[in-house]
Amino acid sequence: TTSLCLQMSEELPLVLVTGSSGFVASHVVAGLLAEKKYRVRGTVRSLASETSTKPLKEVFPDVELVEADLSKDDGWKEAAAGCTYVHHVASPLVSMERELSPDELIRPAVDG
């Protein structure tokens, strides 16, 4: 029975949720997992950041976390590998120290 459950879970479509540590994205992750029809892979800026990863791992132990930053090209190809769907919810981190230009804030969110 265990191998059948494992086999079935591996056959479920894999969904990539960008920015999974964010408020909106974490609700997307919760909704997908609640449906029990998907496997979920979430991106975070840094796997080394316990601020981002620890709460996700505690609340969603079945989510696979991968590192990918909107401001860099590295990691995105690997993050999307094998995914059937992508929920692009990530957005650049807003700086309170200075006003960001549209190129710094909007363009990365739109272009991914």
N, C-alpha and C. Protein backbone atom coordinates (compact mmCIF):
# COMPACT_ATOMS: atom_id res chain seq x y z
N THR A 1 0.82 -1.19 0.00
CA THR A 1 0.00 0.00 0.00
C THR A 1 0.87 1.26 0.00
N THR A 2 1.96 1.24 0.75
CA THR A 2 2.86 2.39 0.81
C THR A 2 3.44 2.69 -0.55
N SER A 3 3.87 1.65 -1.28
CA SER A 3 4.45 1.89 -2.60
C SER A 3 3.40 2.41 -3.58
N LEU A 4 2.15 1.98 -3.42
CA LEU A 4 1.08 2.48 -4.28
C LEU A 4 0.84 3.96 -4.01
N CYS A 5 0.81 4.38 -2.74
CA CYS A 5 0.63 5.79 -2.40
C CYS A 5 1.78 6.62 -2.94
N LEU A 6 3.00 6.12 -2.80
CA LEU A 6 4.17 6.82 -3.29
C LEU A 6 4.10 6.95 -4.81
N GLN A 7 3.72 5.88 -5.49
CA GLN A 7 3.61 5.90 -6.94
C GLN A 7 2.55 6.91 -7.37
N MET A 8 1.42 6.92 -6.69
CA MET A 8 0.36 7.85 -7.05
C MET A 8 0.80 9.29 -6.84
N SER A 9 1.52 9.55 -5.73
CA SER A 9 1.94 10.92 -5.46
C SER A 9 2.95 11.39 -6.50
N GLU A 10 3.77 10.48 -7.02
CA GLU A 10 4.74 10.85 -8.04
C GLU A 10 4.07 11.09 -9.38
N GLU A 11 2.88 10.56 -9.57
CA GLU A 11 2.16 10.75 -10.82
C GLU A 11 1.34 12.04 -10.82
N LEU A 12 1.14 12.63 -9.67
CA LEU A 12 0.38 13.88 -9.60
C LEU A 12 1.15 14.99 -10.31
N PRO A 13 0.45 15.92 -10.96
CA PRO A 13 1.13 17.03 -11.62
C PRO A 13 1.93 17.86 -10.62
N LEU A 14 3.09 18.30 -11.06
CA LEU A 14 3.96 19.13 -10.23
C LEU A 14 3.72 20.59 -10.57
N VAL A 15 3.46 21.39 -9.53
CA VAL A 15 3.18 22.82 -9.71
C VAL A 15 4.30 23.62 -9.07
N LEU A 16 4.86 24.56 -9.83
CA LEU A 16 5.85 25.48 -9.29
C LEU A 16 5.14 26.74 -8.82
N VAL A 17 5.37 27.12 -7.56
CA VAL A 17 4.82 28.36 -7.02
C VAL A 17 6.00 29.27 -6.70
N THR A 18 6.13 30.36 -7.47
CA THR A 18 7.24 31.27 -7.23
C THR A 18 6.95 32.14 -6.02
N GLY A 19 8.01 32.48 -5.29
CA GLY A 19 7.84 33.33 -4.12
C GLY A 19 7.05 32.67 -3.01
N SER A 20 7.24 31.38 -2.82
CA SER A 20 6.39 30.61 -1.92
C SER A 20 6.42 31.06 -0.47
N SER A 21 7.42 31.83 -0.07
CA SER A 21 7.46 32.31 1.31
C SER A 21 6.64 33.58 1.51
N GLY A 22 6.11 34.14 0.43
CA GLY A 22 5.29 35.35 0.53
C GLY A 22 3.87 35.06 0.97
N PHE A 23 3.16 36.10 1.35
CA PHE A 23 1.81 35.96 1.88
C PHE A 23 0.86 35.32 0.86
N VAL A 24 0.78 35.89 -0.34
CA VAL A 24 -0.15 35.38 -1.34
C VAL A 24 0.26 33.98 -1.78
N ALA A 25 1.53 33.81 -2.08
CA ALA A 25 2.01 32.51 -2.57
C ALA A 25 1.80 31.40 -1.54
N SER A 26 1.98 31.70 -0.27
CA SER A 26 1.77 30.66 0.75
C SER A 26 0.31 30.20 0.77
N HIS A 27 -0.61 31.10 0.45
CA HIS A 27 -2.02 30.71 0.36
C HIS A 27 -2.27 29.89 -0.90
N VAL A 28 -1.55 30.19 -1.97
CA VAL A 28 -1.66 29.38 -3.19
C VAL A 28 -1.17 27.96 -2.89
N VAL A 29 -0.03 27.86 -2.20
CA VAL A 29 0.52 26.55 -1.81
C VAL A 29 -0.49 25.79 -0.97
N ALA A 30 -1.06 26.46 0.03
CA ALA A 30 -2.05 25.80 0.91
C ALA A 30 -3.24 25.28 0.11
N GLY A 31 -3.72 26.08 -0.82
CA GLY A 31 -4.87 25.67 -1.64
C GLY A 31 -4.55 24.47 -2.51
N LEU A 32 -3.38 24.49 -3.13
CA LEU A 32 -2.99 23.36 -3.99
C LEU A 32 -2.86 22.07 -3.19
N LEU A 33 -2.22 22.16 -2.03
CA LEU A 33 -2.05 20.96 -1.20
C LEU A 33 -3.38 20.46 -0.65
N ALA A 34 -4.28 21.38 -0.33
CA ALA A 34 -5.59 20.98 0.20
C ALA A 34 -6.39 20.18 -0.82
N GLU A 35 -6.18 20.48 -2.10
CA GLU A 35 -6.89 19.74 -3.14
C GLU A 35 -6.41 18.31 -3.28
N LYS A 36 -5.19 18.03 -2.82
CA LYS A 36 -4.59 16.70 -2.88
C LYS A 36 -4.51 16.16 -4.31
N LYS A 37 -4.40 17.07 -5.27
CA LYS A 37 -4.30 16.69 -6.68
C LYS A 37 -2.97 17.10 -7.28
N TYR A 38 -2.10 17.72 -6.46
CA TYR A 38 -0.85 18.26 -6.98
C TYR A 38 0.31 18.03 -6.02
N ARG A 39 1.48 17.94 -6.60
CA ARG A 39 2.72 18.07 -5.84
C ARG A 39 3.15 19.51 -6.01
N VAL A 40 3.79 20.09 -5.00
CA VAL A 40 4.14 21.51 -5.07
C VAL A 40 5.64 21.69 -4.83
N ARG A 41 6.22 22.51 -5.71
CA ARG A 41 7.61 22.96 -5.58
C ARG A 41 7.55 24.47 -5.43
N GLY A 42 8.19 25.00 -4.41
CA GLY A 42 8.16 26.44 -4.17
C GLY A 42 9.54 27.06 -4.27
N THR A 43 9.59 28.27 -4.82
CA THR A 43 10.88 28.97 -4.86
C THR A 43 11.00 29.91 -3.68
N VAL A 44 12.23 30.05 -3.21
CA VAL A 44 12.61 31.04 -2.21
C VAL A 44 13.90 31.69 -2.71
N ARG A 45 14.16 32.92 -2.25
CA ARG A 45 15.38 33.60 -2.70
C ARG A 45 16.63 32.87 -2.26
N SER A 46 16.59 32.32 -1.04
CA SER A 46 17.77 31.65 -0.51
C SER A 46 17.35 30.48 0.37
N LEU A 47 17.86 29.31 0.05
CA LEU A 47 17.58 28.14 0.90
C LEU A 47 18.28 28.26 2.25
N ALA A 48 19.30 29.10 2.32
CA ALA A 48 20.04 29.28 3.57
C ALA A 48 19.29 30.19 4.55
N SER A 49 18.26 30.88 4.09
CA SER A 49 17.51 31.80 4.93
C SER A 49 16.44 31.05 5.72
N GLU A 50 16.69 30.83 6.99
CA GLU A 50 15.70 30.14 7.83
C GLU A 50 14.43 30.97 8.00
N THR A 51 14.56 32.29 7.85
CA THR A 51 13.39 33.16 7.95
C THR A 51 12.36 32.78 6.89
N SER A 52 12.85 32.40 5.71
CA SER A 52 11.95 32.01 4.62
C SER A 52 11.60 30.54 4.66
N THR A 53 12.59 29.70 4.92
CA THR A 53 12.39 28.27 4.75
C THR A 53 11.77 27.56 5.96
N LYS A 54 12.14 27.94 7.16
CA LYS A 54 11.67 27.22 8.34
C LYS A 54 10.15 27.22 8.48
N PRO A 55 9.48 28.38 8.37
CA PRO A 55 8.01 28.35 8.48
C PRO A 55 7.36 27.51 7.37
N LEU A 56 7.90 27.59 6.17
CA LEU A 56 7.34 26.79 5.07
C LEU A 56 7.49 25.30 5.34
N LYS A 57 8.67 24.90 5.79
CA LYS A 57 8.91 23.48 6.07
C LYS A 57 8.02 22.97 7.20
N GLU A 58 7.76 23.84 8.18
CA GLU A 58 6.93 23.43 9.31
C GLU A 58 5.45 23.30 8.91
N VAL A 59 4.96 24.26 8.14
CA VAL A 59 3.54 24.26 7.76
C VAL A 59 3.27 23.34 6.58
N PHE A 60 4.21 23.29 5.64
CA PHE A 60 4.04 22.49 4.42
C PHE A 60 5.22 21.52 4.25
N PRO A 61 5.30 20.47 5.07
CA PRO A 61 6.46 19.57 4.99
C PRO A 61 6.60 18.84 3.65
N ASP A 62 5.53 18.76 2.87
CA ASP A 62 5.59 18.05 1.60
C ASP A 62 6.03 18.93 0.43
N VAL A 63 6.20 20.21 0.66
CA VAL A 63 6.62 21.12 -0.42
C VAL A 63 8.12 21.01 -0.63
N GLU A 64 8.50 20.87 -1.87
CA GLU A 64 9.91 20.86 -2.24
C GLU A 64 10.34 22.31 -2.44
N LEU A 65 11.34 22.77 -1.70
CA LEU A 65 11.81 24.14 -1.84
C LEU A 65 13.07 24.17 -2.70
N VAL A 66 13.11 25.15 -3.59
CA VAL A 66 14.27 25.36 -4.45
C VAL A 66 14.63 26.84 -4.43
N GLU A 67 15.89 27.11 -4.70
CA GLU A 67 16.38 28.48 -4.67
C GLU A 67 16.31 29.10 -6.06
N ALA A 68 15.66 30.26 -6.15
CA ALA A 68 15.59 31.02 -7.39
C ALA A 68 15.20 32.46 -7.04
N ASP A 69 15.94 33.40 -7.57
CA ASP A 69 15.76 34.81 -7.26
C ASP A 69 15.34 35.54 -8.54
N LEU A 70 14.29 36.36 -8.46
CA LEU A 70 13.79 37.08 -9.63
C LEU A 70 14.85 37.96 -10.29
N SER A 71 15.81 38.42 -9.51
CA SER A 71 16.81 39.33 -10.05
C SER A 71 17.96 38.60 -10.74
N LYS A 72 17.90 37.27 -10.75
CA LYS A 72 18.97 36.47 -11.36
C LYS A 72 18.36 35.39 -12.25
N ASP A 73 19.12 34.99 -13.26
CA ASP A 73 18.66 33.91 -14.15
C ASP A 73 18.92 32.53 -13.57
N ASP A 74 19.87 32.42 -12.67
CA ASP A 74 20.27 31.12 -12.11
C ASP A 74 19.12 30.45 -11.37
N GLY A 75 18.97 29.16 -11.60
CA GLY A 75 18.04 28.34 -10.83
C GLY A 75 16.64 28.19 -11.40
N TRP A 76 16.24 29.07 -12.31
CA TRP A 76 14.87 29.02 -12.80
C TRP A 76 14.59 27.82 -13.70
N LYS A 77 15.56 27.49 -14.53
CA LYS A 77 15.38 26.33 -15.42
C LYS A 77 15.21 25.06 -14.60
N GLU A 78 16.05 24.93 -13.58
CA GLU A 78 15.97 23.76 -12.70
C GLU A 78 14.67 23.78 -11.89
N ALA A 79 14.26 24.97 -11.45
CA ALA A 79 13.03 25.08 -10.64
C ALA A 79 11.81 24.63 -11.44
N ALA A 80 11.78 24.98 -12.72
CA ALA A 80 10.63 24.65 -13.56
C ALA A 80 10.69 23.24 -14.17
N ALA A 81 11.83 22.59 -14.06
CA ALA A 81 12.00 21.27 -14.66
C ALA A 81 10.96 20.28 -14.12
N GLY A 82 10.24 19.65 -15.02
CA GLY A 82 9.26 18.63 -14.65
C GLY A 82 7.92 19.18 -14.19
N CYS A 83 7.77 20.50 -14.18
CA CYS A 83 6.52 21.09 -13.72
C CYS A 83 5.48 21.12 -14.84
N THR A 84 4.26 20.82 -14.47
CA THR A 84 3.15 20.88 -15.40
C THR A 84 2.55 22.29 -15.42
N TYR A 85 2.54 22.93 -14.26
CA TYR A 85 1.96 24.27 -14.11
C TYR A 85 2.91 25.16 -13.33
N VAL A 86 2.74 26.48 -13.53
CA VAL A 86 3.50 27.48 -12.77
C VAL A 86 2.53 28.55 -12.29
N HIS A 87 2.58 28.83 -11.00
CA HIS A 87 1.87 29.98 -10.44
C HIS A 87 2.96 31.01 -10.14
N HIS A 88 3.06 32.05 -10.97
CA HIS A 88 4.09 33.07 -10.77
C HIS A 88 3.53 34.15 -9.86
N VAL A 89 3.88 34.03 -8.58
CA VAL A 89 3.36 34.94 -7.57
C VAL A 89 4.47 35.79 -6.97
N ALA A 90 5.71 35.46 -7.26
CA ALA A 90 6.85 36.18 -6.69
C ALA A 90 6.86 37.63 -7.15
N SER A 91 7.34 38.47 -6.27
CA SER A 91 7.51 39.88 -6.58
C SER A 91 8.77 40.34 -5.86
N PRO A 92 9.46 41.34 -6.42
CA PRO A 92 10.68 41.82 -5.76
C PRO A 92 10.39 42.33 -4.36
N LEU A 93 11.36 42.21 -3.50
CA LEU A 93 11.26 42.71 -2.14
C LEU A 93 11.24 44.23 -2.18
N VAL A 94 10.25 44.83 -1.55
CA VAL A 94 10.12 46.28 -1.55
C VAL A 94 11.07 46.88 -0.53
N SER A 95 11.79 47.89 -0.95
CA SER A 95 12.72 48.59 -0.07
C SER A 95 12.03 49.79 0.55
N MET A 96 12.09 49.91 1.84
CA MET A 96 11.52 51.07 2.52
C MET A 96 12.52 52.21 2.60
N GLU A 97 13.77 51.94 2.24
CA GLU A 97 14.81 52.94 2.35
C GLU A 97 14.76 53.95 1.21
N ARG A 98 14.29 53.52 0.07
CA ARG A 98 14.20 54.43 -1.08
C ARG A 98 13.06 53.99 -1.98
N GLU A 99 12.58 54.91 -2.77
CA GLU A 99 11.52 54.58 -3.71
C GLU A 99 12.11 53.81 -4.89
N LEU A 100 11.47 52.73 -5.25
CA LEU A 100 11.95 51.92 -6.37
C LEU A 100 11.32 52.39 -7.67
N SER A 101 12.10 52.32 -8.72
CA SER A 101 11.58 52.67 -10.05
C SER A 101 10.73 51.51 -10.56
N PRO A 102 9.88 51.77 -11.57
CA PRO A 102 9.10 50.67 -12.16
C PRO A 102 9.98 49.55 -12.69
N ASP A 103 11.16 49.88 -13.21
CA ASP A 103 12.06 48.84 -13.70
C ASP A 103 12.55 47.94 -12.59
N GLU A 104 12.69 48.48 -11.39
CA GLU A 104 13.17 47.69 -10.25
C GLU A 104 12.06 46.87 -9.59
N LEU A 105 10.84 47.38 -9.64
CA LEU A 105 9.74 46.73 -8.92
C LEU A 105 8.79 45.96 -9.83
N ILE A 106 8.30 46.60 -10.85
CA ILE A 106 7.27 45.98 -11.69
C ILE A 106 7.86 45.02 -12.72
N ARG A 107 8.91 45.44 -13.40
CA ARG A 107 9.47 44.63 -14.48
C ARG A 107 9.85 43.22 -14.02
N PRO A 108 10.56 43.04 -12.88
CA PRO A 108 10.88 41.66 -12.46
C PRO A 108 9.63 40.83 -12.14
N ALA A 109 8.60 41.45 -11.60
CA ALA A 109 7.37 40.71 -11.28
C ALA A 109 6.66 40.28 -12.56
N VAL A 110 6.64 41.15 -13.56
CA VAL A 110 5.95 40.84 -14.81
C VAL A 110 6.77 39.85 -15.64
N ASP A 111 8.05 40.11 -15.76
CA ASP A 111 8.90 39.28 -16.62
C ASP A 111 9.29 37.96 -15.96
N GLY A 112 9.31 37.96 -14.64
CA GLY A 112 9.70 36.74 -13.93
C GLY A 112 11.12 36.45 -14.20
